[in-house]
Amino acid sequence: MVCLLTNNAPSFFFQKRNERVASGPTPVSSGQPAYQQVAVEQVQGGADTNPMWASEVSNGDFQKALELSLRAFNYYVVDGAMAKYKVTASIVDVQKPLMGLDMSVAMKVRYSVATQGDTAFDDAIATTGTATMGEAFAGADRVRMAIEKAAKLNIEAFLGRLSKDLK
């Protein structure tokens, strides 16, 4: 399950129960190298949403979504001091439309995974999320939904890379 919190309210990207689980990577199991060995050290580059302007992704909200997703896929370790891998995520770019029927948001996040003085993973992941007029009438709602979709896809892509790179 990949979830993002915006404006201090949990927002799952799909409302139907069977669509809440990410379709990309599969959870790791006991005995695999990264099983409950990953902690989020820092998220940076985000911005708080101004209620008078367009939605943004805050550092805290992205970190919560990343931690919840890592937990859902059995990567997350509750005690960060015990983590073998420490993740730093930098929200590099979020490009939002000003208007339109279908709103697409492009998001680029650089993930760095450090392990005991080494870098196990350091790469930027770019994704695009789109919300259509059929999903929400108000433009601000479509932008928010597109941001959430872009973030969800970004975290899913990162989880997929983790499953391949942390062996």
C-alpha atoms as a PDB file:
ATOM      1  CA  MET A   1       0.000   0.000   0.000  1.00  0.00           C
ATOM      2  CA  VAL A   2       1.469   3.337  -0.984  1.00  0.00           C
ATOM      3  CA  CYS A   3      -0.225   6.287   0.641  1.00  0.00           C
ATOM      4  CA  LEU A   4       0.412   9.990   0.747  1.00  0.00           C
ATOM      5  CA  LEU A   5      -0.764  12.454   3.324  1.00  0.00           C
ATOM      6  CA  THR A   6      -1.719  15.872   2.022  1.00  0.00           C
ATOM      7  CA  ASN A   7      -3.101  18.750   4.037  1.00  0.00           C
ATOM      8  CA  ASN A   8      -2.848  16.610   7.201  1.00  0.00           C
ATOM      9  CA  ALA A   9      -5.510  14.151   6.033  1.00  0.00           C
ATOM     10  CA  PRO A  10      -4.700  10.633   4.845  1.00  0.00           C
ATOM     11  CA  SER A  11      -5.399  10.242   1.186  1.00  0.00           C
ATOM     12  CA  PHE A  12      -5.156   6.841  -0.407  1.00  0.00           C
ATOM     13  CA  PHE A  13      -4.699   7.133  -4.107  1.00  0.00           C
ATOM     14  CA  PHE A  14      -7.549   4.816  -4.978  1.00  0.00           C
ATOM     15  CA  GLN A  15     -10.707   4.500  -2.954  1.00  0.00           C
ATOM     16  CA  LYS A  16     -11.546   0.921  -3.890  1.00  0.00           C
ATOM     17  CA  ARG A  17     -10.051  -1.478  -1.394  1.00  0.00           C
ATOM     18  CA  ASN A  18      -8.591  -3.825  -4.000  1.00  0.00           C
ATOM     19  CA  GLU A  19      -6.739  -0.930  -5.649  1.00  0.00           C
ATOM     20  CA  ARG A  20      -4.929   0.298  -2.511  1.00  0.00           C
ATOM     21  CA  VAL A  21      -2.041  -2.128  -2.873  1.00  0.00           C
ATOM     22  CA  ALA A  22       0.760  -1.096  -5.197  1.00  0.00           C
ATOM     23  CA  SER A  23       0.953  -3.283  -8.264  1.00  0.00           C
ATOM     24  CA  GLY A  24       4.696  -3.053  -8.842  1.00  0.00           C
ATOM     25  CA  PRO A  25       7.136  -4.628  -6.379  1.00  0.00           C
ATOM     26  CA  THR A  26       6.338  -7.468  -4.027  1.00  0.00           C
ATOM     27  CA  PRO A  27       7.002  -7.305  -0.278  1.00  0.00           C
ATOM     28  CA  VAL A  28      10.303  -8.723   0.951  1.00  0.00           C
ATOM     29  CA  SER A  29      10.202 -11.623   3.351  1.00  0.00           C
ATOM     30  CA  SER A  30      12.214 -12.718   6.335  1.00  0.00           C
ATOM     31  CA  GLY A  31      15.686 -13.821   5.331  1.00  0.00           C
ATOM     32  CA  GLN A  32      16.024 -11.370   2.439  1.00  0.00           C
ATOM     33  CA  PRO A  33      18.846  -8.811   2.864  1.00  0.00           C
ATOM     34  CA  ALA A  34      16.716  -5.683   3.291  1.00  0.00           C
ATOM     35  CA  TYR A  35      13.928  -7.238   5.379  1.00  0.00           C
ATOM     36  CA  GLN A  36      13.124  -4.697   8.116  1.00  0.00           C
ATOM     37  CA  GLN A  37      16.492  -3.012   7.587  1.00  0.00           C
ATOM     38  CA  VAL A  38      15.552   0.366   6.036  1.00  0.00           C
ATOM     39  CA  ALA A  39      14.893   3.686   7.786  1.00  0.00           C
ATOM     40  CA  VAL A  40      14.093   7.105   6.353  1.00  0.00           C
ATOM     41  CA  GLU A  41      16.750   9.496   7.545  1.00  0.00           C
ATOM     42  CA  GLN A  42      15.561  12.683   5.846  1.00  0.00           C
ATOM     43  CA  VAL A  43      13.204  14.105   3.224  1.00  0.00           C
ATOM     44  CA  GLN A  44      13.950  17.539   1.808  1.00  0.00           C
ATOM     45  CA  GLY A  45      12.900  19.813  -1.020  1.00  0.00           C
ATOM     46  CA  GLY A  46       9.165  19.749  -0.349  1.00  0.00           C
ATOM     47  CA  ALA A  47       6.904  22.672   0.442  1.00  0.00           C
ATOM     48  CA  ASP A  48       3.853  23.117   2.627  1.00  0.00           C
ATOM     49  CA  THR A  49       0.545  23.739   0.845  1.00  0.00           C
ATOM     50  CA  ASN A  50      -0.693  27.317   0.898  1.00  0.00           C
ATOM     51  CA  PRO A  51      -4.517  27.079   1.149  1.00  0.00           C
ATOM     52  CA  MET A  52      -4.825  30.083  -1.161  1.00  0.00           C
ATOM     53  CA  TRP A  53      -2.686  28.490  -3.893  1.00  0.00           C
ATOM     54  CA  ALA A  54      -2.049  25.111  -5.501  1.00  0.00           C
ATOM     55  CA  SER A  55      -1.288  21.912  -3.589  1.00  0.00           C
ATOM     56  CA  GLU A  56       2.273  21.011  -2.717  1.00  0.00           C
ATOM     57  CA  VAL A  57       3.996  18.006  -1.169  1.00  0.00           C
ATOM     58  CA  SER A  58       5.518  18.735   2.218  1.00  0.00           C
ATOM     59  CA  ASN A  59       8.641  17.000   3.493  1.00  0.00           C
ATOM     60  CA  GLY A  60       6.721  15.539   6.429  1.00  0.00           C
ATOM     61  CA  ASP A  61       3.890  14.199   4.273  1.00  0.00           C
ATOM     62  CA  PHE A  62       6.268  12.615   1.773  1.00  0.00           C
ATOM     63  CA  GLN A  63       8.299  11.083   4.603  1.00  0.00           C
ATOM     64  CA  LYS A  64       5.161   9.597   6.180  1.00  0.00           C
ATOM     65  CA  ALA A  65       4.093   8.153   2.830  1.00  0.00           C
ATOM     66  CA  LEU A  66       7.563   6.736   2.217  1.00  0.00           C
ATOM     67  CA  GLU A  67       7.725   5.204   5.700  1.00  0.00           C
ATOM     68  CA  LEU A  68       4.234   3.699   5.414  1.00  0.00           C
ATOM     69  CA  SER A  69       5.125   2.249   2.019  1.00  0.00           C
ATOM     70  CA  LEU A  70       8.424   0.818   3.278  1.00  0.00           C
ATOM     71  CA  ARG A  71       6.511  -0.709   6.194  1.00  0.00           C
ATOM     72  CA  ALA A  72       3.867  -2.223   3.889  1.00  0.00           C
ATOM     73  CA  PHE A  73       6.613  -3.905   1.840  1.00  0.00           C
ATOM     74  CA  ASN A  74       8.508  -5.127   4.944  1.00  0.00           C
ATOM     75  CA  TYR A  75      11.549  -2.883   4.457  1.00  0.00           C
ATOM     76  CA  TYR A  76      10.958  -0.470   7.335  1.00  0.00           C
ATOM     77  CA  VAL A  77      12.705  -0.837  10.680  1.00  0.00           C
ATOM     78  CA  VAL A  78      11.015   0.994  13.537  1.00  0.00           C
ATOM     79  CA  ASP A  79      14.245   1.801  15.391  1.00  0.00           C
ATOM     80  CA  GLY A  80      16.234   3.878  12.902  1.00  0.00           C
ATOM     81  CA  ALA A  81      19.436   3.303  14.891  1.00  0.00           C
ATOM     82  CA  MET A  82      19.186  -0.406  14.025  1.00  0.00           C
ATOM     83  CA  ALA A  83      18.764   0.207  10.278  1.00  0.00           C
ATOM     84  CA  LYS A  84      21.337  -1.232   7.927  1.00  0.00           C
ATOM     85  CA  TYR A  85      20.131   1.104   5.146  1.00  0.00           C
ATOM     86  CA  LYS A  86      19.262   4.808   5.581  1.00  0.00           C
ATOM     87  CA  VAL A  87      17.236   6.614   2.928  1.00  0.00           C
ATOM     88  CA  THR A  88      17.472  10.288   2.093  1.00  0.00           C
ATOM     89  CA  ALA A  89      14.881  11.564  -0.388  1.00  0.00           C
ATOM     90  CA  SER A  90      15.174  14.963  -2.057  1.00  0.00           C
ATOM     91  CA  ILE A  91      12.147  16.271  -3.934  1.00  0.00           C
ATOM     92  CA  VAL A  92      14.023  17.846  -6.826  1.00  0.00           C
ATOM     93  CA  ASP A  93      11.180  19.065  -9.012  1.00  0.00           C
ATOM     94  CA  VAL A  94       7.380  19.146  -9.098  1.00  0.00           C
ATOM     95  CA  GLN A  95       5.907  20.633 -12.275  1.00  0.00           C
ATOM     96  CA  LYS A  96       2.206  21.458 -12.044  1.00  0.00           C
ATOM     97  CA  PRO A  97      -0.162  22.836 -14.675  1.00  0.00           C
ATOM     98  CA  LEU A  98      -1.982  26.113 -14.118  1.00  0.00           C
ATOM     99  CA  MET A  99      -5.124  24.972 -15.917  1.00  0.00           C
ATOM    100  CA  GLY A 100      -6.501  22.251 -18.141  1.00  0.00           C
ATOM    101  CA  LEU A 101      -9.029  19.457 -18.414  1.00  0.00           C
ATOM    102  CA  ASP A 102      -6.643  16.601 -17.705  1.00  0.00           C
ATOM    103  CA  MET A 103      -3.963  17.734 -15.285  1.00  0.00           C
ATOM    104  CA  SER A 104      -0.558  16.062 -15.292  1.00  0.00           C
ATOM    105  CA  VAL A 105       2.096  16.617 -12.650  1.00  0.00           C
ATOM    106  CA  ALA A 106       5.708  15.594 -13.184  1.00  0.00           C
ATOM    107  CA  MET A 107       7.703  14.786 -10.059  1.00  0.00           C
ATOM    108  CA  LYS A 108      11.399  14.038  -9.719  1.00  0.00           C
ATOM    109  CA  VAL A 109      12.858  12.690  -6.479  1.00  0.00           C
ATOM    110  CA  ARG A 110      16.496  11.801  -5.813  1.00  0.00           C
ATOM    111  CA  TYR A 111      16.849   8.848  -3.473  1.00  0.00           C
ATOM    112  CA  SER A 112      20.108   8.033  -1.743  1.00  0.00           C
ATOM    113  CA  VAL A 113      20.454   4.842   0.280  1.00  0.00           C
ATOM    114  CA  ALA A 114      23.516   4.703   2.516  1.00  0.00           C
ATOM    115  CA  THR A 115      24.846   1.665   4.287  1.00  0.00           C
ATOM    116  CA  GLN A 116      27.701   1.859   6.799  1.00  0.00           C
ATOM    117  CA  GLY A 117      29.680   4.547   4.974  1.00  0.00           C
ATOM    118  CA  ASP A 118      28.866   3.255   1.479  1.00  0.00           C
ATOM    119  CA  THR A 119      26.189   4.304  -0.969  1.00  0.00           C
ATOM    120  CA  ALA A 120      24.023   1.367  -2.008  1.00  0.00           C
ATOM    121  CA  PHE A 121      21.744   3.445  -4.249  1.00  0.00           C
ATOM    122  CA  ASP A 122      21.812   7.039  -5.502  1.00  0.00           C
ATOM    123  CA  ASP A 123      19.514   7.950  -8.356  1.00  0.00           C
ATOM    124  CA  ALA A 124      16.726  10.299  -9.375  1.00  0.00           C
ATOM    125  CA  ILE A 125      13.343   8.854 -10.253  1.00  0.00           C
ATOM    126  CA  ALA A 126      10.925  10.854 -12.418  1.00  0.00           C
ATOM    127  CA  THR A 127       7.221  10.035 -12.646  1.00  0.00           C
ATOM    128  CA  THR A 128       4.066  11.674 -13.944  1.00  0.00           C
ATOM    129  CA  GLY A 129       0.599  11.489 -12.455  1.00  0.00           C
ATOM    130  CA  THR A 130      -2.541  12.557 -14.307  1.00  0.00           C
ATOM    131  CA  ALA A 131      -6.012  13.358 -12.996  1.00  0.00           C
ATOM    132  CA  THR A 132      -8.886  13.683 -15.442  1.00  0.00           C
ATOM    133  CA  MET A 133     -11.980  15.842 -15.478  1.00  0.00           C
ATOM    134  CA  GLY A 134     -13.960  12.672 -14.761  1.00  0.00           C
ATOM    135  CA  GLU A 135     -12.143  12.200 -11.463  1.00  0.00           C
ATOM    136  CA  ALA A 136     -12.738  15.718 -10.136  1.00  0.00           C
ATOM    137  CA  PHE A 137     -14.474  18.787 -11.490  1.00  0.00           C
ATOM    138  CA  ALA A 138     -12.495  21.437  -9.605  1.00  0.00           C
ATOM    139  CA  GLY A 139      -9.069  22.188 -11.050  1.00  0.00           C
ATOM    140  CA  ALA A 140      -7.436  22.425  -7.618  1.00  0.00           C
ATOM    141  CA  ASP A 141      -8.712  18.927  -6.795  1.00  0.00           C
ATOM    142  CA  ARG A 142      -7.334  17.551 -10.087  1.00  0.00           C
ATOM    143  CA  VAL A 143      -3.911  19.085  -9.363  1.00  0.00           C
ATOM    144  CA  ARG A 144      -3.912  17.593  -5.857  1.00  0.00           C
ATOM    145  CA  MET A 145      -4.907  14.188  -7.222  1.00  0.00           C
ATOM    146  CA  ALA A 146      -2.243  14.376  -9.941  1.00  0.00           C
ATOM    147  CA  ILE A 147       0.412  15.245  -7.336  1.00  0.00           C
ATOM    148  CA  GLU A 148      -0.683  12.288  -5.221  1.00  0.00           C
ATOM    149  CA  LYS A 149      -0.544   9.956  -8.233  1.00  0.00           C
ATOM    150  CA  ALA A 150       2.914  11.219  -9.228  1.00  0.00           C
ATOM    151  CA  ALA A 151       4.164  10.713  -5.662  1.00  0.00           C
ATOM    152  CA  LYS A 152       2.597   7.247  -5.449  1.00  0.00           C
ATOM    153  CA  LEU A 153       4.199   6.192  -8.722  1.00  0.00           C
ATOM    154  CA  ASN A 154       7.507   7.656  -7.601  1.00  0.00           C
ATOM    155  CA  ILE A 155       7.526   5.715  -4.336  1.00  0.00           C
ATOM    156  CA  GLU A 156       6.449   2.548  -6.175  1.00  0.00           C
ATOM    157  CA  ALA A 157       9.338   2.981  -8.628  1.00  0.00           C
ATOM    158  CA  PHE A 158      11.738   3.478  -5.716  1.00  0.00           C
ATOM    159  CA  LEU A 159      10.460   0.313  -4.008  1.00  0.00           C
ATOM    160  CA  GLY A 160      10.980  -1.562  -7.266  1.00  0.00           C
ATOM    161  CA  ARG A 161      14.557  -0.321  -7.455  1.00  0.00           C
ATOM    162  CA  LEU A 162      15.154  -1.271  -3.816  1.00  0.00           C
ATOM    163  CA  SER A 163      14.038  -4.827  -4.479  1.00  0.00           C
ATOM    164  CA  LYS A 164      16.573  -5.084  -7.323  1.00  0.00           C
ATOM    165  CA  ASP A 165      19.493  -3.108  -5.899  1.00  0.00           C
ATOM    166  CA  LEU A 166      19.559  -4.265  -2.256  1.00  0.00           C
ATOM    167  CA  LYS A 167      20.497  -7.892  -2.692  1.00  0.00           C
END
